[in-house]
Amino acid sequence: MPIKFRCNYCRQFLGISRAQAGGVVDCPTCGRSIRVPLLDGSVQPMQGPELDLDDTHLSRALDELAKLVDAPAQPTVPLKSSSLTDSDDIETDNQIPQPLPEPIPIEVPLPPTPVVVVPPTNASLTGPSENGIAGERGLLAELAALSDGSTPVDFADAKKFEPAPSYTNRRPEASPLKTSLMLLVPFVTGMLTERFVRVFERHGRIEAVSTEVAKKELADNELTGRITFKSKEGESQPDRGARVIVFPQQRTGEVKLSVVGFRPADSAADQLVANAAMKALGGAAATVDDQGGYRLPIEAGSYRMLVLSHFQPRPDGDADPVLDKLLSEYFEKPEDLLGRVQHQFSPLRIKGTGDTWDHSF
């Protein structure tokens, strides 16, 4: 029958056999060694650890401890008193008044003496051909005045007070040739001006007519329409971002195109590249705008038209073998073009008179 007793550390009951009474066991809960009591309940004391005096490391450690005990105590130097003495010396030095330093005189340089440049009293702005002699006289008079200290005489100013010559109010005689020229010049100028105005008006009318003709031709060779879809509430909404692709009746060339740019979710840059590629093959492609409209510049003829919706999903099992064959002729991976979106595939006849094609998903 097993004996039960409680661990002294974790207070858990342990079960041992009678043969283990009085021995040492390890507690399975806390892992510590426990002395098992005898059958009468008494516990034998555990023997102390025995020292192995032959152990080299133990003997070295005991020798080091003995050296530390036998070493004489070294006197310590009081640091507090020295620090107080130094601080007292500093405070004593601070209490002694120190003489103020004498200011060092700074020599300020004398300001420079300004040089006064006396401009000439009279500057002649006329050329030497008009007042050459007066200019020479004025210069000689200035030099003489500077040497004698007197005021120079300005001959140019003196010339102003000379009396101006008197002219009689005579009326010039008008010659017949001069009169004829005066009458002919305005007449010729008016004729030339009217001529230029007529030429400019005619040129403007020609440009306006050519612009209208170009617009009319573009409108005639353009396919327009709207692509919409019905929401869950039954309202008609523009199918913004849907792709409209027009294939020619006869396939030209053998190059296979990538489906990137022809799908509704592709980027605008890829869609522009796809539009140019389809135009080079004789077809056209466009993206539906925010109002649901589209424009395709295309010439008159027979085509096949494919519209990929941007919002409406395609139901399962909806396959068209004619469309699959057409897409396999133009694209590398035609199954990636349709994806899971709803589409509309139908023949198209362009008459070149401003055709319109609408569809609602």
Protein backbone atom coordinates (compact mmCIF):
# COMPACT_ATOMS: atom_id res chain seq x y z
CA MET A 1 0.00 0.00 0.00
CA PRO A 2 1.57 3.38 -0.95
CA ILE A 3 2.40 6.01 1.67
CA LYS A 4 1.11 9.58 1.14
CA PHE A 5 2.85 12.67 2.48
CA ARG A 6 2.88 16.38 1.59
CA CYS A 7 5.75 18.29 -0.10
CA ASN A 8 7.25 20.99 2.12
CA TYR A 9 7.56 23.44 -0.81
CA CYS A 10 4.53 23.11 -3.10
CA ARG A 11 2.23 21.44 -0.51
CA GLN A 12 1.21 18.71 -2.91
CA PHE A 13 0.58 15.10 -1.74
CA LEU A 14 3.01 12.50 -2.98
CA GLY A 15 2.58 8.73 -3.03
CA ILE A 16 5.65 6.51 -2.41
CA SER A 17 6.24 2.89 -1.50
CA ARG A 18 7.35 1.58 1.89
CA ALA A 19 10.79 0.81 0.55
CA GLN A 20 11.40 4.58 -0.11
CA ALA A 21 10.66 5.53 3.55
CA GLY A 22 13.56 7.42 5.09
CA GLY A 23 15.12 8.19 1.69
CA VAL A 24 15.20 11.23 -0.64
CA VAL A 25 12.81 11.68 -3.60
CA ASP A 26 12.21 14.46 -6.13
CA CYS A 27 8.84 16.18 -6.11
CA PRO A 28 7.17 15.73 -9.56
CA THR A 29 5.41 19.11 -9.16
CA CYS A 30 8.17 21.55 -8.10
CA GLY A 31 11.19 19.31 -8.87
CA ARG A 32 12.91 19.77 -5.48
CA SER A 33 14.55 17.03 -3.38
CA ILE A 34 12.53 16.05 -0.31
CA ARG A 35 13.48 13.83 2.68
CA VAL A 36 10.83 11.09 3.03
CA PRO A 37 9.84 10.43 6.69
CA LEU A 38 10.13 6.99 8.25
CA LEU A 39 7.15 4.78 8.92
CA ASP A 40 6.85 6.16 12.45
CA GLY A 41 6.70 9.77 11.06
CA SER A 42 10.22 10.88 12.08
CA VAL A 43 12.57 12.49 9.53
CA GLN A 44 16.30 11.75 9.53
CA PRO A 45 18.45 14.85 9.13
CA MET A 46 20.30 15.24 5.85
CA GLN A 47 24.08 15.01 6.06
CA GLY A 48 25.99 18.14 5.14
CA PRO A 49 28.03 18.25 1.93
CA GLU A 50 31.48 16.76 2.18
CA LEU A 51 34.43 18.82 0.86
CA ASP A 52 36.84 17.19 -1.52
CA LEU A 53 40.19 18.47 -0.33
CA ASP A 54 41.94 16.94 -3.32
CA ASP A 55 39.99 19.29 -5.66
CA THR A 56 42.53 21.72 -7.24
CA HIS A 57 40.05 24.50 -7.92
CA LEU A 58 38.66 24.36 -4.40
CA SER A 59 42.12 24.60 -2.83
CA ARG A 60 43.00 27.63 -4.99
CA ALA A 61 39.80 29.41 -3.97
CA LEU A 62 40.49 28.79 -0.27
CA ASP A 63 44.04 30.15 -0.64
CA GLU A 64 42.73 33.36 -2.27
CA LEU A 65 40.24 33.86 0.58
CA ALA A 66 43.00 33.40 3.13
CA LYS A 67 45.13 36.04 1.42
CA LEU A 68 42.27 38.54 1.52
CA VAL A 69 41.73 37.95 5.25
CA ASP A 70 45.47 38.24 6.13
CA ALA A 71 46.09 41.41 4.03
CA PRO A 72 46.55 44.63 6.15
CA ALA A 73 43.94 47.36 5.81
CA GLN A 74 45.06 50.37 3.72
CA PRO A 75 44.41 53.82 5.14
CA THR A 76 41.87 55.82 3.22
CA VAL A 77 42.39 59.47 2.31
CA PRO A 78 39.51 61.72 3.36
CA LEU A 79 38.31 63.38 0.17
CA LYS A 80 35.64 65.46 1.81
CA SER A 81 38.06 67.68 3.71
CA SER A 82 40.17 68.38 0.61
CA SER A 83 37.13 69.27 -1.42
CA LEU A 84 35.93 71.59 1.33
CA THR A 85 39.33 73.24 1.49
CA ASP A 86 39.37 73.87 -2.23
CA SER A 87 35.88 75.31 -2.15
CA ASP A 88 36.82 77.53 0.80
CA ASP A 89 39.83 78.80 -1.14
CA ILE A 90 37.66 79.56 -4.14
CA GLU A 91 35.13 81.43 -2.00
CA THR A 92 37.94 83.38 -0.31
CA ASP A 93 39.38 84.36 -3.70
CA ASN A 94 35.95 85.47 -4.86
CA GLN A 95 35.53 87.74 -1.83
CA ILE A 96 38.75 89.70 -2.58
CA PRO A 97 37.93 92.67 -4.87
CA GLN A 98 39.78 92.48 -8.16
CA PRO A 99 40.98 95.61 -9.99
CA LEU A 100 39.03 96.55 -13.10
CA PRO A 101 40.96 96.26 -16.37
CA GLU A 102 41.86 99.55 -17.96
CA PRO A 103 40.17 100.19 -21.33
CA ILE A 104 42.40 99.95 -24.33
CA PRO A 105 42.19 103.12 -26.44
CA ILE A 106 41.13 102.54 -30.01
CA GLU A 107 42.40 104.89 -32.64
CA VAL A 108 39.63 105.98 -34.97
CA PRO A 109 40.89 106.75 -38.47
CA LEU A 110 40.22 110.21 -39.75
CA PRO A 111 37.49 110.45 -42.39
CA PRO A 112 38.80 110.96 -45.91
CA THR A 113 38.68 114.44 -47.30
CA PRO A 114 36.03 114.56 -50.04
CA VAL A 115 37.26 115.55 -53.43
CA VAL A 116 35.02 118.14 -55.00
CA VAL A 117 34.89 117.96 -58.74
CA VAL A 118 33.69 121.22 -60.22
CA PRO A 119 31.86 120.53 -63.46
CA PRO A 120 32.18 123.01 -66.29
CA THR A 121 29.73 125.87 -65.96
CA ASN A 122 28.50 125.61 -69.53
CA ALA A 123 28.50 122.38 -71.51
CA SER A 124 27.80 122.74 -75.16
CA LEU A 125 25.57 119.98 -76.58
CA THR A 126 25.85 121.19 -80.14
CA GLY A 127 28.32 119.88 -82.68
CA PRO A 128 31.57 121.54 -83.58
CA SER A 129 30.16 122.68 -86.88
CA GLU A 130 27.60 124.93 -85.16
CA ASN A 131 29.33 126.41 -82.10
CA GLY A 132 32.96 125.42 -82.55
CA ILE A 133 34.31 128.96 -82.14
CA ALA A 134 32.07 129.76 -79.18
CA GLY A 135 33.22 126.53 -77.45
CA GLU A 136 36.88 127.48 -77.88
CA ARG A 137 36.27 130.99 -76.56
CA GLY A 138 34.36 129.63 -73.56
CA LEU A 139 37.19 127.22 -72.71
CA LEU A 140 39.80 130.02 -72.92
CA ALA A 141 37.62 132.25 -70.75
CA GLU A 142 37.29 129.50 -68.10
CA LEU A 143 41.05 128.96 -68.00
CA ALA A 144 41.64 132.69 -67.62
CA ALA A 145 39.05 132.91 -64.84
CA LEU A 146 40.61 130.00 -62.94
CA SER A 147 44.03 131.68 -63.12
CA ASP A 148 42.78 135.18 -62.13
CA GLY A 149 40.01 134.10 -59.73
CA SER A 150 37.35 135.98 -61.67
CA THR A 151 34.01 134.73 -63.05
CA PRO A 152 34.26 133.23 -66.53
CA VAL A 153 32.38 134.76 -69.36
CA ASP A 154 30.07 132.43 -71.31
CA PHE A 155 29.95 133.42 -74.93
CA ALA A 156 27.25 130.88 -75.61
CA ASP A 157 24.93 132.58 -73.12
CA ALA A 158 25.81 135.94 -74.53
CA LYS A 159 24.82 134.72 -77.96
CA LYS A 160 21.27 134.13 -76.65
CA PHE A 161 20.74 137.84 -76.17
CA GLU A 162 21.55 138.64 -79.78
CA PRO A 163 18.50 139.86 -81.66
CA ALA A 164 16.96 137.20 -83.85
CA PRO A 165 16.71 137.99 -87.53
CA SER A 166 13.27 139.03 -88.69
CA TYR A 167 11.48 137.10 -91.41
CA THR A 168 8.61 138.33 -93.49
CA ASN A 169 5.47 136.14 -93.55
CA ARG A 170 5.64 135.13 -97.14
CA ARG A 171 3.27 132.43 -98.46
CA PRO A 172 5.08 129.72 -100.48
CA GLU A 173 3.96 129.35 -104.03
CA ALA A 174 2.25 125.96 -104.77
CA SER A 175 3.32 124.37 -108.05
CA PRO A 176 0.78 122.39 -110.17
CA LEU A 177 2.85 119.19 -109.91
CA LYS A 178 2.92 119.31 -106.12
CA THR A 179 -0.81 119.92 -105.96
CA SER A 180 -1.49 116.97 -108.25
CA LEU A 181 0.67 114.66 -106.12
CA MET A 182 -1.10 115.75 -102.96
CA LEU A 183 -4.47 114.87 -104.51
CA LEU A 184 -3.29 111.60 -106.12
CA VAL A 185 -1.69 110.01 -103.03
CA PRO A 186 -4.92 109.73 -100.94
CA PHE A 187 -6.81 108.39 -103.95
CA VAL A 188 -4.25 105.64 -104.63
CA THR A 189 -4.04 104.79 -100.93
CA GLY A 190 -7.81 104.36 -100.72
CA MET A 191 -7.87 102.09 -103.77
CA LEU A 192 -5.11 99.85 -102.40
CA THR A 193 -6.78 99.63 -98.99
CA GLU A 194 -10.10 98.62 -100.52
CA ARG A 195 -8.31 96.01 -102.65
CA PHE A 196 -6.57 94.47 -99.62
CA VAL A 197 -9.81 94.39 -97.64
CA ARG A 198 -11.60 92.53 -100.44
CA VAL A 199 -8.77 90.00 -100.74
CA PHE A 200 -8.80 89.33 -96.99
CA GLU A 201 -12.59 88.94 -96.93
CA ARG A 202 -12.48 86.51 -99.83
CA HIS A 203 -9.72 84.48 -98.17
CA GLY A 204 -11.75 84.34 -94.93
CA ARG A 205 -14.85 83.12 -96.79
CA ILE A 206 -12.81 80.39 -98.50
CA GLU A 207 -11.40 79.19 -95.18
CA ALA A 208 -14.87 79.14 -93.59
CA VAL A 209 -16.30 77.15 -96.53
CA SER A 210 -13.42 74.65 -96.42
CA THR A 211 -13.86 74.22 -92.65
CA GLU A 212 -17.58 73.56 -93.03
CA VAL A 213 -16.93 71.05 -95.82
CA ALA A 214 -14.34 69.24 -93.70
CA LYS A 215 -16.73 69.11 -90.75
CA LYS A 216 -19.51 67.79 -92.95
CA GLU A 217 -17.26 65.08 -94.42
CA LEU A 218 -16.11 64.09 -90.93
CA ALA A 219 -19.71 63.90 -89.70
CA ASP A 220 -20.70 61.79 -92.71
CA ASN A 221 -17.83 59.32 -92.14
CA GLU A 222 -18.42 59.04 -88.39
CA LEU A 223 -20.37 56.45 -86.39
CA THR A 224 -21.93 57.74 -83.17
CA GLY A 225 -24.23 56.30 -80.53
CA ARG A 226 -24.85 55.60 -76.84
CA ILE A 227 -24.15 52.49 -74.75
CA THR A 228 -26.26 52.11 -71.57
CA PHE A 229 -27.26 49.46 -69.05
CA LYS A 230 -30.15 48.96 -66.66
CA SER A 231 -29.42 49.01 -62.95
CA LYS A 232 -31.05 46.81 -60.34
CA GLU A 233 -33.70 49.49 -59.80
CA GLY A 234 -34.56 49.40 -63.53
CA GLU A 235 -33.00 52.80 -64.34
CA SER A 236 -30.99 53.33 -67.52
CA GLN A 237 -27.41 54.34 -66.71
CA PRO A 238 -24.51 55.22 -69.09
CA ASP A 239 -22.12 52.29 -69.45
CA ARG A 240 -19.06 54.47 -68.79
CA GLY A 241 -15.77 52.83 -69.83
CA ALA A 242 -17.34 50.23 -72.15
CA ARG A 243 -15.32 49.32 -75.25
CA VAL A 244 -16.68 49.48 -78.83
CA ILE A 245 -14.64 47.50 -81.40
CA VAL A 246 -15.40 47.42 -85.15
CA PHE A 247 -13.77 44.66 -87.22
CA PRO A 248 -13.47 44.88 -91.03
CA GLN A 249 -15.28 42.35 -93.19
CA GLN A 250 -12.03 40.91 -94.56
CA ARG A 251 -9.01 40.22 -92.36
CA THR A 252 -5.80 41.81 -93.68
CA GLY A 253 -2.36 40.81 -92.44
CA GLU A 254 -1.35 37.95 -90.16
CA VAL A 255 -0.16 39.66 -86.98
CA LYS A 256 -1.95 38.69 -83.78
CA LEU A 257 -2.81 41.48 -81.34
CA SER A 258 -2.68 41.45 -77.56
CA VAL A 259 -5.95 41.81 -75.69
CA VAL A 260 -4.39 44.48 -73.44
CA GLY A 261 -6.03 47.80 -74.29
CA PHE A 262 -9.20 46.33 -75.79
CA ARG A 263 -10.78 45.46 -72.42
CA PRO A 264 -12.93 47.93 -70.46
CA ALA A 265 -10.74 47.86 -67.35
CA ASP A 266 -7.44 48.58 -69.14
CA SER A 267 -5.60 51.88 -68.76
CA ALA A 268 -6.19 54.85 -71.06
CA ALA A 269 -2.68 54.65 -72.55
CA ASP A 270 -3.11 50.98 -73.48
CA GLN A 271 -6.52 51.74 -74.99
CA LEU A 272 -5.02 54.43 -77.24
CA VAL A 273 -2.42 51.95 -78.50
CA ALA A 274 -5.15 49.36 -79.14
CA ASN A 275 -7.24 51.94 -81.06
CA ALA A 276 -4.30 52.72 -83.34
CA ALA A 277 -3.62 49.00 -83.93
CA MET A 278 -7.23 48.28 -84.89
CA LYS A 279 -7.31 51.34 -87.20
CA ALA A 280 -4.18 50.05 -88.97
CA LEU A 281 -6.01 46.77 -89.65
CA GLY A 282 -8.96 48.57 -91.27
CA GLY A 283 -11.27 48.74 -88.24
CA ALA A 284 -11.79 51.10 -85.33
CA ALA A 285 -12.13 51.10 -81.53
CA ALA A 286 -13.39 53.64 -78.99
CA THR A 287 -14.20 54.00 -75.29
CA VAL A 288 -17.63 55.11 -74.05
CA ASP A 289 -17.48 58.46 -72.20
CA ASP A 290 -19.18 59.49 -68.95
CA GLN A 291 -22.44 60.31 -70.74
CA GLY A 292 -22.51 56.94 -72.50
CA GLY A 293 -21.61 58.29 -75.95
CA TYR A 294 -18.89 57.25 -78.39
CA ARG A 295 -17.53 58.40 -81.78
CA LEU A 296 -15.84 56.23 -84.42
CA PRO A 297 -14.37 57.79 -87.60
CA ILE A 298 -14.99 55.03 -90.12
CA GLU A 299 -15.66 54.89 -93.86
CA ALA A 300 -18.71 53.39 -95.51
CA GLY A 301 -18.77 49.62 -95.81
CA SER A 302 -19.67 46.36 -94.08
CA TYR A 303 -18.23 45.60 -90.65
CA ARG A 304 -18.73 43.44 -87.58
CA MET A 305 -19.23 45.22 -84.27
CA LEU A 306 -18.39 44.02 -80.74
CA VAL A 307 -19.38 45.97 -77.59
CA LEU A 308 -17.93 44.97 -74.17
CA SER A 309 -19.90 46.24 -71.18
CA HIS A 310 -18.08 47.72 -68.19
CA PHE A 311 -20.70 47.06 -65.52
CA GLN A 312 -22.86 44.11 -66.62
CA PRO A 313 -21.53 40.56 -65.94
CA ARG A 314 -21.91 37.77 -68.49
CA PRO A 315 -24.10 34.78 -67.63
CA ASP A 316 -22.58 31.28 -67.71
CA GLY A 317 -22.88 29.21 -70.87
CA ASP A 318 -23.12 32.22 -73.20
CA ALA A 319 -20.82 31.35 -76.14
CA ASP A 320 -20.90 32.27 -79.84
CA PRO A 321 -18.78 30.10 -82.21
CA VAL A 322 -18.75 32.83 -84.91
CA LEU A 323 -17.41 35.37 -82.44
CA ASP A 324 -14.84 32.91 -81.08
CA LYS A 325 -13.53 32.26 -84.58
CA LEU A 326 -13.30 36.00 -85.34
CA LEU A 327 -11.43 36.76 -82.14
CA SER A 328 -9.00 33.88 -82.73
CA GLU A 329 -8.05 35.53 -86.07
CA TYR A 330 -7.16 38.86 -84.42
CA PHE A 331 -5.92 38.13 -80.88
CA GLU A 332 -3.33 35.90 -79.25
CA LYS A 333 -5.57 34.90 -76.31
CA PRO A 334 -9.16 35.58 -77.40
CA GLU A 335 -10.65 34.00 -74.27
CA ASP A 336 -9.05 36.76 -72.15
CA LEU A 337 -10.82 39.50 -74.13
CA LEU A 338 -14.41 38.59 -73.22
CA GLY A 339 -13.64 37.60 -69.64
CA ARG A 340 -16.70 37.72 -67.40
CA VAL A 341 -18.34 40.83 -68.89
CA GLN A 342 -21.48 40.92 -71.01
CA HIS A 343 -20.98 41.67 -74.70
CA GLN A 344 -22.97 42.33 -77.89
CA PHE A 345 -21.81 41.04 -81.30
CA SER A 346 -23.65 41.95 -84.49
CA PRO A 347 -23.00 42.87 -88.17
CA LEU A 348 -22.80 46.56 -89.05
CA ARG A 349 -23.43 48.47 -92.28
CA ILE A 350 -22.00 52.00 -92.58
CA LYS A 351 -23.62 54.17 -95.29
CA GLY A 352 -21.41 57.23 -94.72
CA THR A 353 -24.29 59.61 -93.98
CA GLY A 354 -23.79 60.09 -90.25
CA ASP A 355 -24.79 56.64 -88.99
CA THR A 356 -25.94 56.01 -85.40
CA TRP A 357 -25.83 52.75 -83.42
CA ASP A 358 -27.15 52.47 -79.84
CA HIS A 359 -27.32 49.53 -77.49
CA SER A 360 -28.51 48.88 -73.92
CA PHE A 361 -27.37 45.94 -71.77
